Amino acid sequence: MAGSAHAALTKMPTDGADTLLMLMGSALVLLMTPGLAFFYGGFTRAKNVLNTMMMSFFLMGLIGVLWVVIGYSLSFGTGFKSPFIGGLEFMWLNGVGGPLGDAPLADGFAISGTSFALFQGMFAIITPALISGAVVERINFKAWFWFCLLWSLLIYCPMAHMVWGGGYLGSFGIGAIDFAGGTVVHIASGVAALVSATIVGPRTGYPESVRPPHNVTHILLGAGLLWFGWFGFNGASYFAAKGAGFSFLTTTTSASAGMLTWCLIDWFKNGKPTAVGAASGAVAGLVGITPAAGFVYMPQSILIGAVTASACFVAVQISGFGGYGGTKKTMLDESLDAFSVHGVGGTVGALLTGILAAKELVPADYFPVSAELLATGGNFALFVSQFKAVLITYGFVGLGTVIILKGLSVVMPLRVTPQDEERGLDYVAHGEDAYEPMTS
């Protein structure tokens, strides 16, 4: 349960099976980033596929180092004694070599501190990568580098601390629950994507030119890798081998429901179910169940997958990329629908968590304020808390992203020139082409 963790250390012995779950979960979540690279890369034009994939893959280096140096400490430290940010005591992971602590947030867990730090680092890597879907095919890679570095420090780390590190939004604050990243990962990245697309501006020739996916097989491969990795994303967030199968089950059940729902809507609306729709529905179902994976039973997980996929389908129709089946009724070039799927899906999932969470699955030992809300006010009280957390996340992430991008625009161009955009960012940014001869 991601919201139950803390970085203070204790001499409590570790459990090998629990720590192994965390290590395997870390590997699975890391695999999601290359999976996302394939998923996004399949949607773009052939001359931009390497650049699109590098926008995700590169973060395994940048954020992987940043997390060790300071990110983990800002997220899960306590030195600043703040409900909004951690501290500096765990820089370079200093002092994180023993078991996870027995502070109220972690009492009863027997995983090693290093495995927890590793696991959380994988979340930090993929979150800014999700934003890239909003600005592909025109953003300056240097600007992308600095944006991801600053956004991770100034937005992601405070969000992780507020929700999972004992801060303001979580079960030791206003009482919102987020099993594996509905607010921290999906709403945060979705809102940042929406803001980024607005500030960076549309691609040249948008929306007149039709830009179908250049490789649907990449999209299916990416979606499959994401689904596989999501077992670590949600399943290992249980933090204990015994009982983790429950969150594994709700995860795949919601994904299945999301895929089925999207395909059926596609079939009814357009006369045929598409491969892109199947991939999109599965991802939507995975996003929706993320905040609820350990708090709901199987019927509720199916409902979350179906409702989330339906909501994301509607969002894509309003402002979606043509490859998703959208009709582009807005001028906003939110290219690969990071907001329409992750922002909308995360929002729906977070709110449904409040409505559908089972009292017996939200133990007071780990979620004291949330359990109290359920006990005294029922699911409506928890829903109100979830709604507050969603609003605060929208406001904090939205404003913070605006400030970062506006600041960067003063010292460097946020996007490439129209000539470079026409040539293709694979060659312009990396000196390489994905295919020979290059096609568009």
Protein backbone atom coordinates (compact mmCIF):
# COMPACT_ATOMS: atom_id res chain seq x y z
CA MET A 1 0.00 0.00 0.00
CA ALA A 2 1.97 2.92 -1.30
CA GLY A 3 0.37 5.34 1.08
CA SER A 4 1.66 3.40 4.07
CA ALA A 5 5.39 3.87 3.54
CA HIS A 6 8.02 5.96 5.27
CA ALA A 7 11.78 6.16 5.13
CA ALA A 8 12.72 6.11 8.80
CA LEU A 9 14.80 3.07 9.69
CA THR A 10 14.43 0.43 12.39
CA LYS A 11 16.03 -2.83 13.41
CA MET A 12 12.86 -4.73 12.60
CA PRO A 13 13.93 -7.81 10.59
CA THR A 14 13.09 -7.90 6.91
CA ASP A 15 11.06 -10.62 5.24
CA GLY A 16 12.75 -12.13 2.20
CA ALA A 17 9.53 -12.84 0.30
CA ASP A 18 8.23 -9.30 0.82
CA THR A 19 11.52 -7.75 -0.26
CA LEU A 20 11.64 -10.04 -3.30
CA LEU A 21 8.17 -8.82 -4.28
CA MET A 22 9.46 -5.25 -4.14
CA LEU A 23 12.52 -6.06 -6.25
CA MET A 24 10.43 -7.88 -8.85
CA GLY A 25 7.88 -5.07 -8.77
CA SER A 26 10.67 -2.54 -9.37
CA ALA A 27 11.81 -4.43 -12.47
CA LEU A 28 8.23 -4.61 -13.76
CA VAL A 29 7.61 -0.90 -13.26
CA LEU A 30 10.91 -0.01 -14.93
CA LEU A 31 9.83 -2.07 -17.94
CA MET A 32 6.79 0.16 -18.25
CA THR A 33 8.93 3.07 -19.41
CA PRO A 34 10.26 1.29 -22.53
CA GLY A 35 6.71 -0.02 -22.95
CA LEU A 36 5.43 3.55 -22.91
CA ALA A 37 8.13 4.47 -25.42
CA PHE A 38 6.81 1.84 -27.86
CA PHE A 39 3.21 2.83 -27.14
CA TYR A 40 3.79 6.53 -27.82
CA GLY A 41 6.28 5.87 -30.61
CA GLY A 42 3.74 3.89 -32.59
CA PHE A 43 1.39 6.87 -32.69
CA THR A 44 3.84 9.40 -34.11
CA ARG A 45 5.12 9.84 -37.66
CA ALA A 46 8.05 7.68 -38.73
CA LYS A 47 10.47 10.60 -38.79
CA ASN A 48 9.83 11.30 -35.09
CA VAL A 49 9.60 7.82 -33.59
CA LEU A 50 13.14 7.71 -32.14
CA ASN A 51 12.77 11.13 -30.58
CA THR A 52 9.41 10.17 -29.12
CA MET A 53 10.83 6.98 -27.64
CA MET A 54 13.90 8.79 -26.31
CA MET A 55 11.67 11.24 -24.44
CA SER A 56 10.69 8.28 -22.27
CA PHE A 57 13.79 6.09 -22.43
CA PHE A 58 16.18 8.95 -21.60
CA LEU A 59 14.42 9.52 -18.28
CA MET A 60 15.62 6.14 -17.04
CA GLY A 61 19.01 7.86 -16.92
CA LEU A 62 18.10 11.40 -15.85
CA ILE A 63 15.47 10.63 -13.20
CA GLY A 64 17.25 7.42 -12.20
CA VAL A 65 20.22 9.51 -11.05
CA LEU A 66 18.17 12.42 -9.72
CA TRP A 67 16.11 10.09 -7.53
CA VAL A 68 19.19 8.69 -5.82
CA VAL A 69 20.85 12.07 -5.34
CA ILE A 70 17.91 13.99 -3.86
CA GLY A 71 14.49 12.93 -5.18
CA TYR A 72 13.89 10.11 -2.70
CA SER A 73 14.90 12.31 0.21
CA LEU A 74 12.56 15.11 -0.83
CA SER A 75 9.72 12.62 -1.23
CA PHE A 76 10.11 10.41 1.83
CA GLY A 77 12.40 12.27 4.20
CA THR A 78 11.11 14.12 7.25
CA GLY A 79 13.89 16.64 7.84
CA PHE A 80 11.89 19.70 6.86
CA LYS A 81 9.01 18.64 9.12
CA SER A 82 6.61 19.83 6.45
CA PRO A 83 3.34 18.33 5.20
CA PHE A 84 4.36 19.37 1.67
CA ILE A 85 7.98 18.28 1.20
CA GLY A 86 10.38 15.81 2.83
CA GLY A 87 13.96 16.66 3.72
CA LEU A 88 17.61 16.23 2.80
CA GLU A 89 18.62 13.50 5.24
CA PHE A 90 18.45 10.72 2.67
CA MET A 91 20.44 12.40 -0.11
CA TRP A 92 22.47 9.82 -2.07
CA LEU A 93 20.25 7.29 -0.22
CA ASN A 94 22.42 7.82 2.83
CA GLY A 95 21.03 5.74 5.70
CA VAL A 96 18.60 3.79 3.53
CA GLY A 97 20.48 0.52 3.77
CA GLY A 98 18.38 -1.16 6.43
CA PRO A 99 14.75 -2.24 6.86
CA LEU A 100 11.90 0.17 6.33
CA GLY A 101 11.03 2.14 9.43
CA ASP A 102 8.52 1.63 12.19
CA ALA A 103 7.12 5.15 12.10
CA PRO A 104 3.30 5.13 12.01
CA LEU A 105 3.30 5.06 8.23
CA ALA A 106 5.34 1.86 7.99
CA ASP A 107 4.68 -0.08 11.16
CA GLY A 108 4.30 -3.77 10.43
CA PHE A 109 6.06 -3.84 7.06
CA ALA A 110 9.16 -5.96 6.69
CA ILE A 111 10.67 -4.83 3.41
CA SER A 112 14.16 -3.40 3.08
CA GLY A 113 14.61 0.34 2.79
CA THR A 114 16.69 -0.08 -0.34
CA SER A 115 13.98 -2.10 -2.10
CA PHE A 116 11.40 0.54 -1.20
CA ALA A 117 13.62 3.36 -2.49
CA LEU A 118 14.23 1.42 -5.70
CA PHE A 119 10.54 0.71 -6.19
CA GLN A 120 9.51 4.32 -5.69
CA GLY A 121 12.22 5.45 -8.08
CA MET A 122 10.56 3.57 -10.91
CA PHE A 123 7.38 5.59 -10.36
CA ALA A 124 9.41 8.79 -10.45
CA ILE A 125 10.86 7.76 -13.83
CA ILE A 126 7.65 6.97 -15.68
CA THR A 127 5.56 9.89 -14.42
CA PRO A 128 7.24 12.69 -16.43
CA ALA A 129 7.55 10.27 -19.35
CA LEU A 130 3.74 10.19 -19.52
CA ILE A 131 3.73 13.96 -20.09
CA SER A 132 5.71 13.56 -23.31
CA GLY A 133 2.61 12.39 -25.16
CA ALA A 134 1.31 15.95 -25.15
CA VAL A 135 4.31 17.61 -26.81
CA VAL A 136 5.78 15.04 -29.20
CA GLU A 137 7.00 15.99 -32.67
CA ARG A 138 7.87 19.61 -31.83
CA ILE A 139 9.46 20.09 -28.38
CA ASN A 140 13.14 21.01 -28.12
CA PHE A 141 14.96 18.07 -26.48
CA LYS A 142 17.11 20.42 -24.39
CA ALA A 143 13.97 22.05 -23.04
CA TRP A 144 12.53 18.58 -22.38
CA PHE A 145 15.65 17.70 -20.36
CA TRP A 146 15.38 20.73 -18.10
CA PHE A 147 11.61 20.53 -17.82
CA CYS A 148 11.73 16.93 -16.59
CA LEU A 149 14.51 17.69 -14.11
CA LEU A 150 12.70 20.68 -12.62
CA TRP A 151 9.24 19.13 -12.76
CA SER A 152 10.43 16.03 -10.95
CA LEU A 153 12.01 18.07 -8.15
CA LEU A 154 9.36 20.77 -7.79
CA ILE A 155 6.16 18.89 -8.63
CA TYR A 156 6.59 15.11 -8.41
CA CYS A 157 8.56 15.01 -5.14
CA PRO A 158 6.10 17.24 -3.25
CA MET A 159 3.19 15.21 -4.62
CA ALA A 160 4.80 11.93 -3.54
CA HIS A 161 5.43 13.34 -0.07
CA MET A 162 1.94 14.78 0.31
CA VAL A 163 0.24 11.51 -0.66
CA TRP A 164 2.65 8.71 0.31
CA GLY A 165 5.17 10.31 2.64
CA GLY A 166 2.88 11.27 5.51
CA GLY A 167 2.01 14.67 4.07
CA TYR A 168 -1.05 16.81 3.60
CA LEU A 169 -3.11 14.83 1.10
CA GLY A 170 -2.75 11.28 2.37
CA SER A 171 -4.23 9.28 5.19
CA PHE A 172 -2.28 11.25 7.78
CA GLY A 173 -3.56 14.51 6.29
CA ILE A 174 -6.97 15.12 4.75
CA GLY A 175 -7.57 11.38 4.47
CA ALA A 176 -7.43 10.71 0.74
CA ILE A 177 -6.24 7.25 -0.31
CA ASP A 178 -4.19 6.46 -3.38
CA PHE A 179 -3.06 2.85 -3.62
CA ALA A 180 -0.49 3.20 -6.39
CA GLY A 181 -0.58 6.60 -8.04
CA GLY A 182 -3.95 7.91 -9.20
CA THR A 183 -3.08 11.44 -8.06
CA VAL A 184 0.71 11.27 -7.81
CA VAL A 185 1.28 9.70 -11.24
CA HIS A 186 -1.76 9.89 -13.49
CA ILE A 187 -3.57 13.10 -12.55
CA ALA A 188 -0.26 14.91 -12.07
CA SER A 189 1.13 13.83 -15.45
CA GLY A 190 -2.21 14.39 -17.17
CA VAL A 191 -2.62 17.94 -15.88
CA ALA A 192 1.01 18.72 -16.71
CA ALA A 193 0.43 17.35 -20.21
CA LEU A 194 -2.59 19.59 -20.73
CA VAL A 195 -0.69 22.67 -19.58
CA SER A 196 2.39 21.75 -21.63
CA ALA A 197 0.38 21.30 -24.82
CA THR A 198 -1.23 24.70 -24.29
CA ILE A 199 2.05 26.54 -23.70
CA VAL A 200 4.22 24.74 -26.28
CA GLY A 201 1.53 25.10 -28.92
CA PRO A 202 0.29 22.81 -31.70
CA ARG A 203 2.34 21.01 -34.30
CA THR A 204 2.85 22.78 -37.62
CA GLY A 205 -0.13 22.17 -39.88
CA TYR A 206 -2.37 21.03 -37.04
CA PRO A 207 -5.26 20.18 -37.16
CA GLU A 208 -5.64 20.21 -40.95
CA SER A 209 -3.09 17.49 -41.68
CA VAL A 210 -4.09 13.91 -40.92
CA ARG A 211 -1.43 12.06 -38.96
CA PRO A 212 -2.40 8.43 -38.42
CA PRO A 213 -0.18 6.14 -36.32
CA HIS A 214 2.89 5.04 -38.26
CA ASN A 215 3.06 1.60 -36.58
CA VAL A 216 0.06 0.07 -34.81
CA THR A 217 2.09 -3.02 -33.92
CA HIS A 218 4.32 -0.79 -31.75
CA ILE A 219 1.19 0.47 -30.02
CA LEU A 220 0.02 -3.06 -29.22
CA LEU A 221 3.51 -4.08 -28.07
CA GLY A 222 3.69 -1.03 -25.84
CA ALA A 223 0.24 -1.64 -24.37
CA GLY A 224 1.16 -5.26 -23.64
CA LEU A 225 4.36 -4.22 -21.87
CA LEU A 226 2.46 -1.61 -19.89
CA TRP A 227 -0.14 -4.16 -18.80
CA PHE A 228 2.61 -6.60 -17.80
CA GLY A 229 4.51 -3.91 -15.89
CA TRP A 230 1.35 -2.71 -14.17
CA PHE A 231 1.36 -5.89 -12.09
CA GLY A 232 4.40 -4.42 -10.39
CA PHE A 233 2.95 -0.91 -10.39
CA ASN A 234 -0.18 -1.94 -8.47
CA GLY A 235 0.56 -5.44 -7.24
CA ALA A 236 3.83 -4.68 -5.48
CA SER A 237 2.29 -1.57 -3.92
CA TYR A 238 0.71 -3.99 -1.46
CA PHE A 239 4.22 -4.20 0.07
CA ALA A 240 3.71 -7.79 1.27
CA ALA A 241 3.89 -11.04 -0.68
CA LYS A 242 1.04 -12.55 1.34
CA GLY A 243 -2.11 -10.93 0.01
CA ALA A 244 -0.55 -9.16 -2.99
CA GLY A 245 -2.44 -11.45 -5.34
CA PHE A 246 -5.57 -9.43 -4.56
CA SER A 247 -4.23 -6.22 -6.09
CA PHE A 248 -2.82 -8.23 -9.00
CA LEU A 249 -6.32 -9.53 -9.67
CA THR A 250 -8.13 -6.20 -9.47
CA THR A 251 -5.50 -4.71 -11.78
CA THR A 252 -5.92 -7.18 -14.62
CA THR A 253 -9.71 -7.38 -14.15
CA SER A 254 -10.08 -3.63 -14.59
CA ALA A 255 -7.79 -3.65 -17.63
CA SER A 256 -9.86 -6.41 -19.22
CA ALA A 257 -13.07 -4.51 -18.54
CA GLY A 258 -11.57 -1.33 -19.95
CA MET A 259 -10.43 -3.05 -23.14
CA LEU A 260 -13.78 -4.78 -23.64
CA THR A 261 -15.73 -1.59 -23.02
CA TRP A 262 -13.67 0.51 -25.44
CA CYS A 263 -13.90 -2.15 -28.14
CA LEU A 264 -17.65 -2.50 -27.75
CA ILE A 265 -18.15 1.28 -27.96
CA ASP A 266 -15.85 1.38 -30.98
CA TRP A 267 -17.75 -1.49 -32.58
CA PHE A 268 -21.13 0.14 -31.98
CA LYS A 269 -20.01 3.61 -33.07
CA ASN A 270 -17.75 2.81 -36.02
CA GLY A 271 -18.83 -0.67 -37.06
CA LYS A 272 -15.57 -2.41 -36.12
CA PRO A 273 -13.35 -2.79 -33.06
CA THR A 274 -9.87 -1.38 -33.66
CA ALA A 275 -6.49 -2.56 -32.37
CA VAL A 276 -5.70 0.97 -31.26
CA GLY A 277 -9.00 1.08 -29.37
CA ALA A 278 -8.24 -2.20 -27.63
CA ALA A 279 -4.85 -0.89 -26.50
CA SER A 280 -6.34 2.43 -25.40
CA GLY A 281 -9.13 0.76 -23.41
CA ALA A 282 -6.71 -1.52 -21.60
CA VAL A 283 -4.52 1.41 -20.59
CA ALA A 284 -7.59 3.38 -19.45
CA GLY A 285 -8.71 0.47 -17.28
CA LEU A 286 -5.25 0.21 -15.76
CA VAL A 287 -5.17 3.92 -15.01
CA GLY A 288 -8.61 3.84 -13.39
CA ILE A 289 -7.87 0.98 -11.01
CA THR A 290 -4.49 2.34 -9.89
CA PRO A 291 -5.77 4.39 -6.92
CA ALA A 292 -8.22 1.66 -5.90
CA ALA A 293 -6.40 -1.63 -6.55
CA GLY A 294 -6.20 -2.73 -2.92
CA PHE A 295 -9.41 -1.12 -1.70
CA VAL A 296 -12.15 -2.68 -3.88
CA TYR A 297 -13.42 -6.15 -4.73
CA MET A 298 -13.71 -7.74 -8.17
CA PRO A 299 -17.17 -6.45 -9.19
CA GLN A 300 -16.09 -2.93 -8.31
CA SER A 301 -12.84 -3.33 -10.27
CA ILE A 302 -14.83 -4.32 -13.37
CA LEU A 303 -17.05 -1.28 -12.88
CA ILE A 304 -14.04 1.02 -12.49
CA GLY A 305 -12.48 -0.34 -15.68
CA ALA A 306 -15.68 0.06 -17.68
CA VAL A 307 -16.55 3.53 -16.39
CA THR A 308 -13.00 4.83 -16.77
CA ALA A 309 -12.70 3.53 -20.33
CA SER A 310 -16.05 5.12 -21.23
CA ALA A 311 -15.02 8.47 -19.76
CA CYS A 312 -11.66 8.39 -21.54
CA PHE A 313 -13.34 7.45 -24.82
CA VAL A 314 -15.58 10.52 -24.56
CA ALA A 315 -12.59 12.73 -23.67
CA VAL A 316 -10.69 11.45 -26.69
CA GLN A 317 -13.66 12.13 -28.96
CA ILE A 318 -13.68 15.74 -27.82
CA SER A 319 -9.98 16.47 -28.05
CA GLY A 320 -8.37 13.22 -29.16
CA PHE A 321 -5.59 12.34 -31.56
CA GLY A 322 -6.90 10.76 -34.75
CA GLY A 323 -5.13 7.49 -33.98
CA TYR A 324 -7.25 7.07 -30.88
CA GLY A 325 -10.39 7.59 -32.90
CA GLY A 326 -10.87 11.19 -31.84
CA THR A 327 -12.49 13.82 -34.03
CA LYS A 328 -10.47 16.84 -32.89
CA LYS A 329 -13.23 19.20 -31.90
CA THR A 330 -10.74 21.53 -30.18
CA MET A 331 -7.66 23.42 -31.39
CA LEU A 332 -5.57 22.11 -28.49
CA ASP A 333 -2.90 19.74 -29.83
CA GLU A 334 -2.67 17.42 -26.82
CA SER A 335 -1.05 15.08 -29.28
CA LEU A 336 -1.33 11.56 -27.86
CA ASP A 337 -4.06 12.27 -25.31
CA ALA A 338 -2.03 12.04 -22.14
CA PHE A 339 -4.65 14.14 -20.38
CA SER A 340 -7.64 12.45 -21.99
CA VAL A 341 -6.46 9.03 -20.80
CA HIS A 342 -4.22 9.61 -17.78
CA GLY A 343 -5.68 12.86 -16.48
CA VAL A 344 -9.31 11.94 -17.00
CA GLY A 345 -8.75 8.28 -16.13
CA GLY A 346 -6.85 9.15 -12.95
CA THR A 347 -9.56 11.59 -11.92
CA VAL A 348 -12.37 9.09 -12.48
CA GLY A 349 -10.42 6.37 -10.68
CA ALA A 350 -9.64 8.56 -7.68
CA LEU A 351 -13.27 9.63 -7.28
CA LEU A 352 -14.61 6.11 -7.76
CA THR A 353 -12.17 4.94 -5.08
CA GLY A 354 -14.00 7.14 -2.62
CA ILE A 355 -17.38 5.81 -3.72
CA LEU A 356 -16.50 2.11 -3.95
CA ALA A 357 -13.77 1.48 -1.35
CA ALA A 358 -14.71 -1.29 1.08
CA LYS A 359 -14.32 -0.38 4.75
CA GLU A 360 -12.66 -3.66 5.61
CA LEU A 361 -9.99 -3.09 2.96
CA VAL A 362 -8.94 0.30 4.40
CA PRO A 363 -7.38 -0.70 7.74
CA ALA A 364 -7.00 1.95 10.44
CA ASP A 365 -3.46 0.76 11.18
CA TYR A 366 -2.23 2.11 7.87
CA PHE A 367 -4.92 4.61 6.88
CA PRO A 368 -6.13 6.15 10.16
CA VAL A 369 -7.86 9.28 8.86
CA SER A 370 -9.37 7.48 5.86
CA ALA A 371 -10.65 4.63 8.02
CA GLU A 372 -12.16 7.14 10.43
CA LEU A 373 -13.90 8.91 7.56
CA LEU A 374 -15.39 5.64 6.37
CA ALA A 375 -16.45 4.67 9.87
CA THR A 376 -18.16 7.96 10.69
CA GLY A 377 -19.32 9.31 7.34
CA GLY A 378 -19.26 6.30 5.05
CA ASN A 379 -18.12 6.40 1.45
CA PHE A 380 -19.54 9.88 0.93
CA ALA A 381 -17.09 11.30 3.46
CA LEU A 382 -14.21 9.50 1.76
CA PHE A 383 -15.44 10.73 -1.63
CA VAL A 384 -15.31 14.32 -0.37
CA SER A 385 -11.72 13.77 0.75
CA GLN A 386 -10.84 12.26 -2.63
CA PHE A 387 -12.47 15.20 -4.39
CA LYS A 388 -10.42 17.65 -2.34
CA ALA A 389 -7.22 15.78 -3.19
CA VAL A 390 -8.08 15.84 -6.89
CA LEU A 391 -8.77 19.59 -6.85
CA ILE A 392 -5.57 20.35 -4.96
CA THR A 393 -3.58 18.20 -7.35
CA TYR A 394 -5.04 20.00 -10.36
CA GLY A 395 -4.24 23.39 -8.87
CA PHE A 396 -0.75 22.63 -7.59
CA VAL A 397 0.44 20.70 -10.65
CA GLY A 398 -1.19 23.08 -13.13
CA LEU A 399 0.26 26.23 -11.62
CA GLY A 400 3.66 24.66 -11.02
CA THR A 401 3.90 23.42 -14.60
CA VAL A 402 3.03 26.87 -15.95
CA ILE A 403 5.78 28.47 -13.86
CA ILE A 404 8.39 25.93 -14.94
CA LEU A 405 7.62 26.19 -18.64
CA LYS A 406 7.36 29.98 -18.63
CA GLY A 407 10.65 30.20 -16.79
CA LEU A 408 12.36 27.88 -19.25
CA SER A 409 10.99 29.82 -22.21
CA VAL A 410 12.94 32.86 -21.03
CA VAL A 411 16.31 31.11 -21.37
CA MET A 412 15.72 28.64 -24.22
CA PRO A 413 13.22 27.88 -27.00
CA LEU A 414 10.60 25.35 -25.94
CA ARG A 415 10.15 23.98 -29.44
CA VAL A 416 12.16 23.38 -32.59
CA THR A 417 11.91 25.57 -35.68
CA PRO A 418 9.27 24.82 -38.34
CA GLN A 419 12.10 23.71 -40.64
CA ASP A 420 13.42 21.22 -38.08
CA GLU A 421 9.91 20.02 -37.39
CA GLU A 422 9.44 19.33 -41.09
CA ARG A 423 12.78 17.47 -41.30
CA GLY A 424 11.91 15.26 -38.38
CA LEU A 425 13.15 15.26 -34.79
CA ASP A 426 14.91 11.89 -35.06
CA TYR A 427 17.62 13.43 -37.20
CA VAL A 428 17.47 16.95 -35.75
CA ALA A 429 17.73 15.94 -32.08
CA HIS A 430 19.69 12.68 -32.31
CA GLY A 431 21.34 12.51 -35.72
CA GLU A 432 19.58 9.23 -36.46
CA ASP A 433 16.64 7.94 -38.46
CA ALA A 434 14.47 5.03 -37.34
CA TYR A 435 13.90 3.75 -40.85
CA GLU A 436 15.89 3.79 -44.07
CA PRO A 437 14.81 5.23 -46.36
CA MET A 438 13.03 7.62 -44.02
CA THR A 439 9.30 7.90 -44.49
CA SER A 440 6.85 10.39 -43.09
